[in-house]
Amino acid sequence: MRLVLLIGIRLYWFFIPKSKRKCCIFQVSCSQYVYKTTSSKGFCQGIKALIFRYQNCRYGYEIFENAITNKIQLILPNKEIIDENEISTRVVNQYKKELLTIVNHYEKQ
């Protein structure tokens, strides 16, 4: 079963170009994460990783800057909080750009 899941992920990588894939909110893409988990920990852990990522790599997350740690964090739809080093660079940069736009707007007033 483990081999079936690994082959399925490899087929996904082969047939779906990166430009057509959904952009992941995690630093390590969902397919890479599930592939690595399945390879190292087996089929059951791979399926759990797949379900976790499928349920949480979607809209419904909230990104914010933690006032205590001054680090950017993300609240997943399941209410788990992840740190900046686990968040996609694309998502972090987008948040910083939006924050800068807001700050610039208020400075002009």
PDB file of N, CA and C in Angstrom:
ATOM      1  N   MET A   1       0.822  -1.201   0.000  1.00  0.00           N
ATOM      2  CA  MET A   1       0.000   0.000   0.000  1.00  0.00           C
ATOM      3  C   MET A   1       0.867   1.266   0.000  1.00  0.00           C
ATOM      4  N   ARG A   2       1.960   1.195   0.748  1.00  0.00           N
ATOM      5  CA  ARG A   2       2.872   2.328   0.807  1.00  0.00           C
ATOM      6  C   ARG A   2       3.368   2.679  -0.595  1.00  0.00           C
ATOM      7  N   LEU A   3       3.706   1.650  -1.340  1.00  0.00           N
ATOM      8  CA  LEU A   3       4.220   1.841  -2.686  1.00  0.00           C
ATOM      9  C   LEU A   3       3.164   2.481  -3.595  1.00  0.00           C
ATOM     10  N   VAL A   4       1.918   2.114  -3.427  1.00  0.00           N
ATOM     11  CA  VAL A   4       0.828   2.689  -4.231  1.00  0.00           C
ATOM     12  C   VAL A   4       0.727   4.194  -3.979  1.00  0.00           C
ATOM     13  N   LEU A   5       0.791   4.598  -2.726  1.00  0.00           N
ATOM     14  CA  LEU A   5       0.719   6.019  -2.383  1.00  0.00           C
ATOM     15  C   LEU A   5       1.916   6.774  -2.958  1.00  0.00           C
ATOM     16  N   LEU A   6       3.111   6.205  -2.840  1.00  0.00           N
ATOM     17  CA  LEU A   6       4.311   6.855  -3.363  1.00  0.00           C
ATOM     18  C   LEU A   6       4.249   6.985  -4.882  1.00  0.00           C
ATOM     19  N   ILE A   7       3.791   5.952  -5.558  1.00  0.00           N
ATOM     20  CA  ILE A   7       3.664   6.002  -7.020  1.00  0.00           C
ATOM     21  C   ILE A   7       2.602   7.037  -7.412  1.00  0.00           C
ATOM     22  N   GLY A   8       1.515   7.087  -6.663  1.00  0.00           N
ATOM     23  CA  GLY A   8       0.469   8.077  -6.933  1.00  0.00           C
ATOM     24  C   GLY A   8       1.008   9.497  -6.859  1.00  0.00           C
ATOM     25  N   ILE A   9       1.825   9.775  -5.872  1.00  0.00           N
ATOM     26  CA  ILE A   9       2.409  11.111  -5.728  1.00  0.00           C
ATOM     27  C   ILE A   9       3.373  11.391  -6.881  1.00  0.00           C
ATOM     28  N   ARG A  10       4.170  10.398  -7.244  1.00  0.00           N
ATOM     29  CA  ARG A  10       5.114  10.577  -8.363  1.00  0.00           C
ATOM     30  C   ARG A  10       4.359  10.815  -9.679  1.00  0.00           C
ATOM     31  N   LEU A  11       3.252  10.130  -9.869  1.00  0.00           N
ATOM     32  CA  LEU A  11       2.440  10.347 -11.069  1.00  0.00           C
ATOM     33  C   LEU A  11       1.863  11.760 -11.065  1.00  0.00           C
ATOM     34  N   TYR A  12       1.426  12.214  -9.900  1.00  0.00           N
ATOM     35  CA  TYR A  12       0.937  13.592  -9.752  1.00  0.00           C
ATOM     36  C   TYR A  12       2.025  14.573 -10.166  1.00  0.00           C
ATOM     37  N   TRP A  13       3.246  14.374  -9.683  1.00  0.00           N
ATOM     38  CA  TRP A  13       4.354  15.261 -10.040  1.00  0.00           C
ATOM     39  C   TRP A  13       4.648  15.213 -11.539  1.00  0.00           C
ATOM     40  N   PHE A  14       4.523  14.033 -12.134  1.00  0.00           N
ATOM     41  CA  PHE A  14       4.855  13.856 -13.541  1.00  0.00           C
ATOM     42  C   PHE A  14       3.792  14.473 -14.455  1.00  0.00           C
ATOM     43  N   PHE A  15       2.526  14.242 -14.156  1.00  0.00           N
ATOM     44  CA  PHE A  15       1.458  14.654 -15.055  1.00  0.00           C
ATOM     45  C   PHE A  15       0.906  16.058 -14.809  1.00  0.00           C
ATOM     46  N   ILE A  16       1.030  16.567 -13.602  1.00  0.00           N
ATOM     47  CA  ILE A  16       0.506  17.903 -13.294  1.00  0.00           C
ATOM     48  C   ILE A  16       1.686  18.873 -13.194  1.00  0.00           C
ATOM     49  N   PRO A  17       1.824  19.787 -14.144  1.00  0.00           N
ATOM     50  CA  PRO A  17       2.947  20.729 -14.076  1.00  0.00           C
ATOM     51  C   PRO A  17       2.809  21.655 -12.860  1.00  0.00           C
ATOM     52  N   LYS A  18       3.941  22.147 -12.389  1.00  0.00           N
ATOM     53  CA  LYS A  18       3.931  23.019 -11.207  1.00  0.00           C
ATOM     54  C   LYS A  18       3.029  24.232 -11.405  1.00  0.00           C
ATOM     55  N   SER A  19       2.956  24.728 -12.620  1.00  0.00           N
ATOM     56  CA  SER A  19       2.127  25.909 -12.893  1.00  0.00           C
ATOM     57  C   SER A  19       0.631  25.626 -12.721  1.00  0.00           C
ATOM     58  N   LYS A  20       0.224  24.374 -12.778  1.00  0.00           N
ATOM     59  CA  LYS A  20      -1.189  23.999 -12.646  1.00  0.00           C
ATOM     60  C   LYS A  20      -1.543  23.530 -11.244  1.00  0.00           C
ATOM     61  N   ARG A  21      -0.541  23.328 -10.391  1.00  0.00           N
ATOM     62  CA  ARG A  21      -0.807  22.837  -9.034  1.00  0.00           C
ATOM     63  C   ARG A  21      -1.275  23.978  -8.135  1.00  0.00           C
ATOM     64  N   LYS A  22      -2.070  23.621  -7.151  1.00  0.00           N
ATOM     65  CA  LYS A  22      -2.518  24.578  -6.152  1.00  0.00           C
ATOM     66  C   LYS A  22      -1.302  25.032  -5.344  1.00  0.00           C
ATOM     67  N   CYS A  23      -1.218  26.319  -5.071  1.00  0.00           N
ATOM     68  CA  CYS A  23      -0.107  26.844  -4.271  1.00  0.00           C
ATOM     69  C   CYS A  23      -0.302  26.460  -2.809  1.00  0.00           C
ATOM     70  N   CYS A  24       0.715  25.897  -2.228  1.00  0.00           N
ATOM     71  CA  CYS A  24       0.661  25.408  -0.858  1.00  0.00           C
ATOM     72  C   CYS A  24       0.985  26.539   0.124  1.00  0.00           C
ATOM     73  N   ILE A  25       0.360  26.517   1.288  1.00  0.00           N
ATOM     74  CA  ILE A  25       0.639  27.534   2.311  1.00  0.00           C
ATOM     75  C   ILE A  25       1.799  27.124   3.211  1.00  0.00           C
ATOM     76  N   PHE A  26       2.243  25.890   3.064  1.00  0.00           N
ATOM     77  CA  PHE A  26       3.344  25.384   3.877  1.00  0.00           C
ATOM     78  C   PHE A  26       4.669  25.538   3.143  1.00  0.00           C
ATOM     79  N   GLN A  27       5.758  25.655   3.887  1.00  0.00           N
ATOM     80  CA  GLN A  27       7.097  25.764   3.308  1.00  0.00           C
ATOM     81  C   GLN A  27       7.421  24.524   2.471  1.00  0.00           C
ATOM     82  N   VAL A  28       7.187  23.350   3.023  1.00  0.00           N
ATOM     83  CA  VAL A  28       7.357  22.096   2.286  1.00  0.00           C
ATOM     84  C   VAL A  28       5.993  21.778   1.684  1.00  0.00           C
ATOM     85  N   SER A  29       5.942  21.625   0.361  1.00  0.00           N
ATOM     86  CA  SER A  29       4.650  21.412  -0.287  1.00  0.00           C
ATOM     87  C   SER A  29       3.962  20.169   0.261  1.00  0.00           C
ATOM     88  N   CYS A  30       2.669  20.135   0.101  1.00  0.00           N
ATOM     89  CA  CYS A  30       1.881  19.027   0.632  1.00  0.00           C
ATOM     90  C   CYS A  30       2.319  17.689   0.044  1.00  0.00           C
ATOM     91  N   SER A  31       2.517  17.642  -1.273  1.00  0.00           N
ATOM     92  CA  SER A  31       2.903  16.373  -1.891  1.00  0.00           C
ATOM     93  C   SER A  31       4.292  15.935  -1.429  1.00  0.00           C
ATOM     94  N   GLN A  32       5.217  16.879  -1.283  1.00  0.00           N
ATOM     95  CA  GLN A  32       6.556  16.535  -0.788  1.00  0.00           C
ATOM     96  C   GLN A  32       6.493  16.036   0.647  1.00  0.00           C
ATOM     97  N   TYR A  33       5.687  16.701   1.466  1.00  0.00           N
ATOM     98  CA  TYR A  33       5.550  16.316   2.865  1.00  0.00           C
ATOM     99  C   TYR A  33       4.973  14.906   2.992  1.00  0.00           C
ATOM    100  N   VAL A  34       3.906  14.639   2.243  1.00  0.00           N
ATOM    101  CA  VAL A  34       3.270  13.318   2.300  1.00  0.00           C
ATOM    102  C   VAL A  34       4.218  12.260   1.757  1.00  0.00           C
ATOM    103  N   TYR A  35       4.944  12.581   0.696  1.00  0.00           N
ATOM    104  CA  TYR A  35       5.898  11.628   0.121  1.00  0.00           C
ATOM    105  C   TYR A  35       6.989  11.274   1.132  1.00  0.00           C
ATOM    106  N   LYS A  36       7.566  12.298   1.751  1.00  0.00           N
ATOM    107  CA  LYS A  36       8.632  12.060   2.745  1.00  0.00           C
ATOM    108  C   LYS A  36       8.113  11.284   3.953  1.00  0.00           C
ATOM    109  N   THR A  37       6.926  11.643   4.417  1.00  0.00           N
ATOM    110  CA  THR A  37       6.338  10.956   5.573  1.00  0.00           C
ATOM    111  C   THR A  37       6.062   9.496   5.243  1.00  0.00           C
ATOM    112  N   THR A  38       5.486   9.244   4.077  1.00  0.00           N
ATOM    113  CA  THR A  38       5.179   7.876   3.668  1.00  0.00           C
ATOM    114  C   THR A  38       6.458   7.067   3.498  1.00  0.00           C
ATOM    115  N   SER A  39       7.477   7.661   2.899  1.00  0.00           N
ATOM    116  CA  SER A  39       8.750   6.963   2.681  1.00  0.00           C
ATOM    117  C   SER A  39       9.406   6.567   3.995  1.00  0.00           C
ATOM    118  N   SER A  40       9.381   7.478   4.957  1.00  0.00           N
ATOM    119  CA  SER A  40      10.108   7.220   6.196  1.00  0.00           C
ATOM    120  C   SER A  40       9.283   6.524   7.280  1.00  0.00           C
ATOM    121  N   LYS A  41       7.964   6.772   7.306  1.00  0.00           N
ATOM    122  CA  LYS A  41       7.159   6.252   8.417  1.00  0.00           C
ATOM    123  C   LYS A  41       6.089   5.250   8.010  1.00  0.00           C
ATOM    124  N   GLY A  42       5.901   5.064   6.711  1.00  0.00           N
ATOM    125  CA  GLY A  42       4.959   4.053   6.269  1.00  0.00           C
ATOM    126  C   GLY A  42       3.621   4.592   5.799  1.00  0.00           C
ATOM    127  N   PHE A  43       2.797   3.672   5.325  1.00  0.00           N
ATOM    128  CA  PHE A  43       1.519   3.999   4.700  1.00  0.00           C
ATOM    129  C   PHE A  43       0.557   4.701   5.655  1.00  0.00           C
ATOM    130  N   CYS A  44       0.372   4.176   6.848  1.00  0.00           N
ATOM    131  CA  CYS A  44      -0.605   4.763   7.786  1.00  0.00           C
ATOM    132  C   CYS A  44      -0.261   6.202   8.130  1.00  0.00           C
ATOM    133  N   GLN A  45       1.007   6.461   8.428  1.00  0.00           N
ATOM    134  CA  GLN A  45       1.423   7.829   8.744  1.00  0.00           C
ATOM    135  C   GLN A  45       1.319   8.720   7.511  1.00  0.00           C
ATOM    136  N   GLY A  46       1.578   8.160   6.332  1.00  0.00           N
ATOM    137  CA  GLY A  46       1.442   8.911   5.094  1.00  0.00           C
ATOM    138  C   GLY A  46       0.005   9.334   4.846  1.00  0.00           C
ATOM    139  N   ILE A  47      -0.942   8.429   5.089  1.00  0.00           N
ATOM    140  CA  ILE A  47      -2.357   8.752   4.932  1.00  0.00           C
ATOM    141  C   ILE A  47      -2.781   9.818   5.943  1.00  0.00           C
ATOM    142  N   LYS A  48      -2.306   9.705   7.183  1.00  0.00           N
ATOM    143  CA  LYS A  48      -2.615  10.727   8.195  1.00  0.00           C
ATOM    144  C   LYS A  48      -2.067  12.088   7.763  1.00  0.00           C
ATOM    145  N   ALA A  49      -0.843  12.091   7.218  1.00  0.00           N
ATOM    146  CA  ALA A  49      -0.245  13.343   6.739  1.00  0.00           C
ATOM    147  C   ALA A  49      -1.042  13.908   5.575  1.00  0.00           C
ATOM    148  N   LEU A  50      -1.495  13.054   4.680  1.00  0.00           N
ATOM    149  CA  LEU A  50      -2.301  13.477   3.540  1.00  0.00           C
ATOM    150  C   LEU A  50      -3.616  14.109   4.000  1.00  0.00           C
ATOM    151  N   ILE A  51      -4.275  13.473   4.926  1.00  0.00           N
ATOM    152  CA  ILE A  51      -5.547  13.991   5.445  1.00  0.00           C
ATOM    153  C   ILE A  51      -5.330  15.327   6.153  1.00  0.00           C
ATOM    154  N   PHE A  52      -4.285  15.408   6.986  1.00  0.00           N
ATOM    155  CA  PHE A  52      -3.983  16.653   7.704  1.00  0.00           C
ATOM    156  C   PHE A  52      -3.743  17.794   6.720  1.00  0.00           C
ATOM    157  N   ARG A  53      -2.887  17.539   5.734  1.00  0.00           N
ATOM    158  CA  ARG A  53      -2.574  18.591   4.773  1.00  0.00           C
ATOM    159  C   ARG A  53      -3.791  18.957   3.929  1.00  0.00           C
ATOM    160  N   TYR A  54      -4.571  17.973   3.512  1.00  0.00           N
ATOM    161  CA  TYR A  54      -5.746  18.245   2.696  1.00  0.00           C
ATOM    162  C   TYR A  54      -6.748  19.115   3.464  1.00  0.00           C
ATOM    163  N   GLN A  55      -6.905  18.869   4.727  1.00  0.00           N
ATOM    164  CA  GLN A  55      -7.864  19.630   5.535  1.00  0.00           C
ATOM    165  C   GLN A  55      -7.354  21.019   5.905  1.00  0.00           C
ATOM    166  N   ASN A  56      -6.044  21.221   5.921  1.00  0.00           N
ATOM    167  CA  ASN A  56      -5.505  22.481   6.421  1.00  0.00           C
ATOM    168  C   ASN A  56      -4.812  23.358   5.388  1.00  0.00           C
ATOM    169  N   CYS A  57      -4.500  22.826   4.223  1.00  0.00           N
ATOM    170  CA  CYS A  57      -3.867  23.634   3.184  1.00  0.00           C
ATOM    171  C   CYS A  57      -4.956  24.186   2.280  1.00  0.00           C
ATOM    172  N   ARG A  58      -5.805  24.993   2.869  1.00  0.00           N
ATOM    173  CA  ARG A  58      -6.952  25.545   2.161  1.00  0.00           C
ATOM    174  C   ARG A  58      -7.196  26.952   2.672  1.00  0.00           C
ATOM    175  N   TYR A  59      -8.167  27.581   2.058  1.00  0.00           N
ATOM    176  CA  TYR A  59      -8.582  28.880   2.559  1.00  0.00           C
ATOM    177  C   TYR A  59      -9.169  28.700   3.950  1.00  0.00           C
ATOM    178  N   GLY A  60      -9.129  29.750   4.726  1.00  0.00           N
ATOM    179  CA  GLY A  60      -9.651  29.682   6.078  1.00  0.00           C
ATOM    180  C   GLY A  60      -8.560  29.846   7.116  1.00  0.00           C
ATOM    181  N   TYR A  61      -7.339  29.988   6.655  1.00  0.00           N
ATOM    182  CA  TYR A  61      -6.250  30.223   7.601  1.00  0.00           C
ATOM    183  C   TYR A  61      -6.171  31.726   7.883  1.00  0.00           C
ATOM    184  N   GLU A  62      -5.548  32.065   8.993  1.00  0.00           N
ATOM    185  CA  GLU A  62      -5.339  33.466   9.361  1.00  0.00           C
ATOM    186  C   GLU A  62      -3.857  33.661   9.625  1.00  0.00           C
ATOM    187  N   ILE A  63      -3.307  34.718   9.081  1.00  0.00           N
ATOM    188  CA  ILE A  63      -1.892  35.018   9.295  1.00  0.00           C
ATOM    189  C   ILE A  63      -1.806  36.297  10.128  1.00  0.00           C
ATOM    190  N   PHE A  64      -0.848  36.332  11.040  1.00  0.00           N
ATOM    191  CA  PHE A  64      -0.723  37.490  11.924  1.00  0.00           C
ATOM    192  C   PHE A  64       0.702  37.575  12.448  1.00  0.00           C
ATOM    193  N   GLU A  65       1.037  38.747  12.978  1.00  0.00           N
ATOM    194  CA  GLU A  65       2.332  38.914  13.624  1.00  0.00           C
ATOM    195  C   GLU A  65       2.104  38.834  15.131  1.00  0.00           C
ATOM    196  N   ASN A  66       2.759  37.878  15.757  1.00  0.00           N
ATOM    197  CA  ASN A  66       2.621  37.670  17.196  1.00  0.00           C
ATOM    198  C   ASN A  66       3.304  38.831  17.916  1.00  0.00           C
ATOM    199  N   ALA A  67       2.549  39.564  18.708  1.00  0.00           N
ATOM    200  CA  ALA A  67       3.073  40.735  19.410  1.00  0.00           C
ATOM    201  C   ALA A  67       4.105  40.360  20.465  1.00  0.00           C
ATOM    202  N   ILE A  68       4.024  39.178  21.000  1.00  0.00           N
ATOM    203  CA  ILE A  68       4.961  38.747  22.045  1.00  0.00           C
ATOM    204  C   ILE A  68       6.301  38.341  21.450  1.00  0.00           C
ATOM    205  N   THR A  69       6.263  37.544  20.396  1.00  0.00           N
ATOM    206  CA  THR A  69       7.505  37.022  19.805  1.00  0.00           C
ATOM    207  C   THR A  69       7.984  37.830  18.606  1.00  0.00           C
ATOM    208  N   ASN A  70       7.138  38.748  18.095  1.00  0.00           N
ATOM    209  CA  ASN A  70       7.431  39.521  16.887  1.00  0.00           C
ATOM    210  C   ASN A  70       7.708  38.635  15.680  1.00  0.00           C
ATOM    211  N   LYS A  71       7.072  37.480  15.631  1.00  0.00           N
ATOM    212  CA  LYS A  71       7.229  36.567  14.504  1.00  0.00           C
ATOM    213  C   LYS A  71       5.876  36.395  13.826  1.00  0.00           C
ATOM    214  N   ILE A  72       5.931  36.149  12.539  1.00  0.00           N
ATOM    215  CA  ILE A  72       4.708  35.900  11.795  1.00  0.00           C
ATOM    216  C   ILE A  72       4.280  34.465  12.044  1.00  0.00           C
ATOM    217  N   GLN A  73       3.003  34.278  12.320  1.00  0.00           N
ATOM    218  CA  GLN A  73       2.451  32.947  12.560  1.00  0.00           C
ATOM    219  C   GLN A  73       1.166  32.788  11.769  1.00  0.00           C
ATOM    220  N   LEU A  74       0.750  31.549  11.630  1.00  0.00           N
ATOM    221  CA  LEU A  74      -0.439  31.235  10.853  1.00  0.00           C
ATOM    222  C   LEU A  74      -1.318  30.300  11.659  1.00  0.00           C
ATOM    223  N   ILE A  75      -2.613  30.619  11.714  1.00  0.00           N
ATOM    224  CA  ILE A  75      -3.583  29.741  12.366  1.00  0.00           C
ATOM    225  C   ILE A  75      -4.274  28.939  11.269  1.00  0.00           C
ATOM    226  N   LEU A  76      -4.132  27.632  11.328  1.00  0.00           N
ATOM    227  CA  LEU A  76      -4.737  26.740  10.344  1.00  0.00           C
ATOM    228  C   LEU A  76      -6.232  26.612  10.603  1.00  0.00           C
ATOM    229  N   PRO A  77      -6.985  26.115   9.633  1.00  0.00           N
ATOM    230  CA  PRO A  77      -8.423  25.911   9.853  1.00  0.00           C
ATOM    231  C   PRO A  77      -8.749  25.036  11.071  1.00  0.00           C
ATOM    232  N   ASN A  78      -7.824  24.116  11.457  1.00  0.00           N
ATOM    233  CA  ASN A  78      -8.076  23.278  12.630  1.00  0.00           C
ATOM    234  C   ASN A  78      -7.631  23.967  13.924  1.00  0.00           C
ATOM    235  N   LYS A  79      -7.268  25.247  13.831  1.00  0.00           N
ATOM    236  CA  LYS A  79      -6.861  26.107  14.960  1.00  0.00           C
ATOM    237  C   LYS A  79      -5.437  25.840  15.456  1.00  0.00           C
ATOM    238  N   GLU A  80      -4.670  25.021  14.762  1.00  0.00           N
ATOM    239  CA  GLU A  80      -3.260  24.811  15.100  1.00  0.00           C
ATOM    240  C   GLU A  80      -2.468  26.022  14.612  1.00  0.00           C
ATOM    241  N   ILE A  81      -1.479  26.445  15.389  1.00  0.00           N
ATOM    242  CA  ILE A  81      -0.657  27.598  15.039  1.00  0.00           C
ATOM    243  C   ILE A  81       0.705  27.100  14.568  1.00  0.00           C
ATOM    244  N   ILE A  82       1.141  27.612  13.409  1.00  0.00           N
ATOM    245  CA  ILE A  82       2.467  27.256  12.911  1.00  0.00           C
ATOM    246  C   ILE A  82       3.315  28.519  12.795  1.00  0.00           C
ATOM    247  N   ASP A  83       4.617  28.343  12.925  1.00  0.00           N
ATOM    248  CA  ASP A  83       5.551  29.457  12.901  1.00  0.00           C
ATOM    249  C   ASP A  83       5.983  29.801  11.482  1.00  0.00           C
ATOM    250  N   GLU A  84       6.632  30.948  11.364  1.00  0.00           N
ATOM    251  CA  GLU A  84       7.046  31.479  10.066  1.00  0.00           C
ATOM    252  C   GLU A  84       7.928  30.513   9.277  1.00  0.00           C
ATOM    253  N   ASN A  85       8.777  29.751   9.960  1.00  0.00           N
ATOM    254  CA  ASN A  85       9.676  28.840   9.254  1.00  0.00           C
ATOM    255  C   ASN A  85       8.935  27.678   8.598  1.00  0.00           C
ATOM    256  N   GLU A  86       7.675  27.452   8.946  1.00  0.00           N
ATOM    257  CA  GLU A  86       6.866  26.395   8.335  1.00  0.00           C
ATOM    258  C   GLU A  86       5.910  26.936   7.278  1.00  0.00           C
ATOM    259  N   ILE A  87       5.804  28.261   7.191  1.00  0.00           N
ATOM    260  CA  ILE A  87       4.874  28.905   6.263  1.00  0.00           C
ATOM    261  C   ILE A  87       5.587  29.171   4.939  1.00  0.00           C
ATOM    262  N   SER A  88       4.861  29.011   3.851  1.00  0.00           N
ATOM    263  CA  SER A  88       5.402  29.277   2.524  1.00  0.00           C
ATOM    264  C   SER A  88       5.933  30.704   2.433  1.00  0.00           C
ATOM    265  N   THR A  89       7.071  30.865   1.787  1.00  0.00           N
ATOM    266  CA  THR A  89       7.653  32.192   1.591  1.00  0.00           C
ATOM    267  C   THR A  89       6.689  33.094   0.835  1.00  0.00           C
ATOM    268  N   ARG A  90       5.958  32.529  -0.102  1.00  0.00           N
ATOM    269  CA  ARG A  90       4.975  33.277  -0.886  1.00  0.00           C
ATOM    270  C   ARG A  90       3.912  33.899   0.020  1.00  0.00           C
ATOM    271  N   VAL A  91       3.418  33.131   0.977  1.00  0.00           N
ATOM    272  CA  VAL A  91       2.373  33.608   1.891  1.00  0.00           C
ATOM    273  C   VAL A  91       2.931  34.684   2.822  1.00  0.00           C
ATOM    274  N   VAL A  92       4.140  34.474   3.334  1.00  0.00           N
ATOM    275  CA  VAL A  92       4.770  35.451   4.238  1.00  0.00           C
ATOM    276  C   VAL A  92       5.019  36.761   3.504  1.00  0.00           C
ATOM    277  N   ASN A  93       5.563  36.674   2.283  1.00  0.00           N
ATOM    278  CA  ASN A  93       5.842  37.893   1.512  1.00  0.00           C
ATOM    279  C   ASN A  93       4.568  38.643   1.166  1.00  0.00           C
ATOM    280  N   GLN A  94       3.510  37.925   0.846  1.00  0.00           N
ATOM    281  CA  GLN A  94       2.226  38.552   0.541  1.00  0.00           C
ATOM    282  C   GLN A  94       1.697  39.285   1.778  1.00  0.00           C
ATOM    283  N   TYR A  95       1.820  38.658   2.940  1.00  0.00           N
ATOM    284  CA  TYR A  95       1.365  39.291   4.187  1.00  0.00           C
ATOM    285  C   TYR A  95       2.170  40.560   4.461  1.00  0.00           C
ATOM    286  N   LYS A  96       3.493  40.486   4.309  1.00  0.00           N
ATOM    287  CA  LYS A  96       4.342  41.655   4.559  1.00  0.00           C
ATOM    288  C   LYS A  96       4.021  42.789   3.590  1.00  0.00           C
ATOM    289  N   LYS A  97       3.744  42.441   2.339  1.00  0.00           N
ATOM    290  CA  LYS A  97       3.394  43.448   1.338  1.00  0.00           C
ATOM    291  C   LYS A  97       2.088  44.139   1.702  1.00  0.00           C
ATOM    292  N   GLU A  98       1.095  43.362   2.106  1.00  0.00           N
ATOM    293  CA  GLU A  98      -0.191  43.941   2.504  1.00  0.00           C
ATOM    294  C   GLU A  98      -0.042  44.805   3.750  1.00  0.00           C
ATOM    295  N   LEU A  99       0.765  44.363   4.691  1.00  0.00           N
ATOM    296  CA  LEU A  99       1.001  45.133   5.911  1.00  0.00           C
ATOM    297  C   LEU A  99       1.696  46.456   5.588  1.00  0.00           C
ATOM    298  N   LEU A 100       2.671  46.410   4.695  1.00  0.00           N
ATOM    299  CA  LEU A 100       3.376  47.623   4.286  1.00  0.00           C
ATOM    300  C   LEU A 100       2.434  48.598   3.593  1.00  0.00           C
ATOM    301  N   THR A 101       1.524  48.094   2.779  1.00  0.00           N
ATOM    302  CA  THR A 101       0.537  48.938   2.103  1.00  0.00           C
ATOM    303  C   THR A 101      -0.354  49.643   3.120  1.00  0.00           C
ATOM    304  N   ILE A 102      -0.766  48.922   4.139  1.00  0.00           N
ATOM    305  CA  ILE A 102      -1.617  49.507   5.184  1.00  0.00           C
ATOM    306  C   ILE A 102      -0.863  50.591   5.946  1.00  0.00           C
ATOM    307  N   VAL A 103       0.379  50.300   6.312  1.00  0.00           N
ATOM    308  CA  VAL A 103       1.198  51.269   7.052  1.00  0.00           C
ATOM    309  C   VAL A 103       1.411  52.523   6.208  1.00  0.00           C
ATOM    310  N   ASN A 104       1.738  52.348   4.934  1.00  0.00           N
ATOM    311  CA  ASN A 104       1.947  53.496   4.055  1.00  0.00           C
ATOM    312  C   ASN A 104       0.667  54.323   3.906  1.00  0.00           C
ATOM    313  N   HIS A 105      -0.460  53.686   3.854  1.00  0.00           N
ATOM    314  CA  HIS A 105      -1.744  54.384   3.741  1.00  0.00           C
ATOM    315  C   HIS A 105      -1.967  55.282   4.962  1.00  0.00           C
ATOM    316  N   TYR A 106      -1.698  54.765   6.142  1.00  0.00           N
ATOM    317  CA  TYR A 106      -1.923  55.542   7.363  1.00  0.00           C
ATOM    318  C   TYR A 106      -0.874  56.651   7.535  1.00  0.00           C
ATOM    319  N   GLU A 107       0.328  56.439   7.021  1.00  0.00           N
ATOM    320  CA  GLU A 107       1.356  57.469   7.128  1.00  0.00           C
ATOM    321  C   GLU A 107       1.036  58.667   6.231  1.00  0.00           C
ATOM    322  N   LYS A 108       0.331  58.418   5.118  1.00  0.00           N
ATOM    323  CA  LYS A 108      -0.016  59.492   4.191  1.00  0.00           C
ATOM    324  C   LYS A 108      -1.125  60.373   4.731  1.00  0.00           C
ATOM    325  N   GLN A 109      -1.903  59.868   5.673  1.00  0.00           N
ATOM    326  CA  GLN A 109      -3.046  60.635   6.189  1.00  0.00           C
ATOM    327  C   GLN A 109      -2.643  61.623   7.234  1.00  0.00           C
TER     328      GLN A 109
END
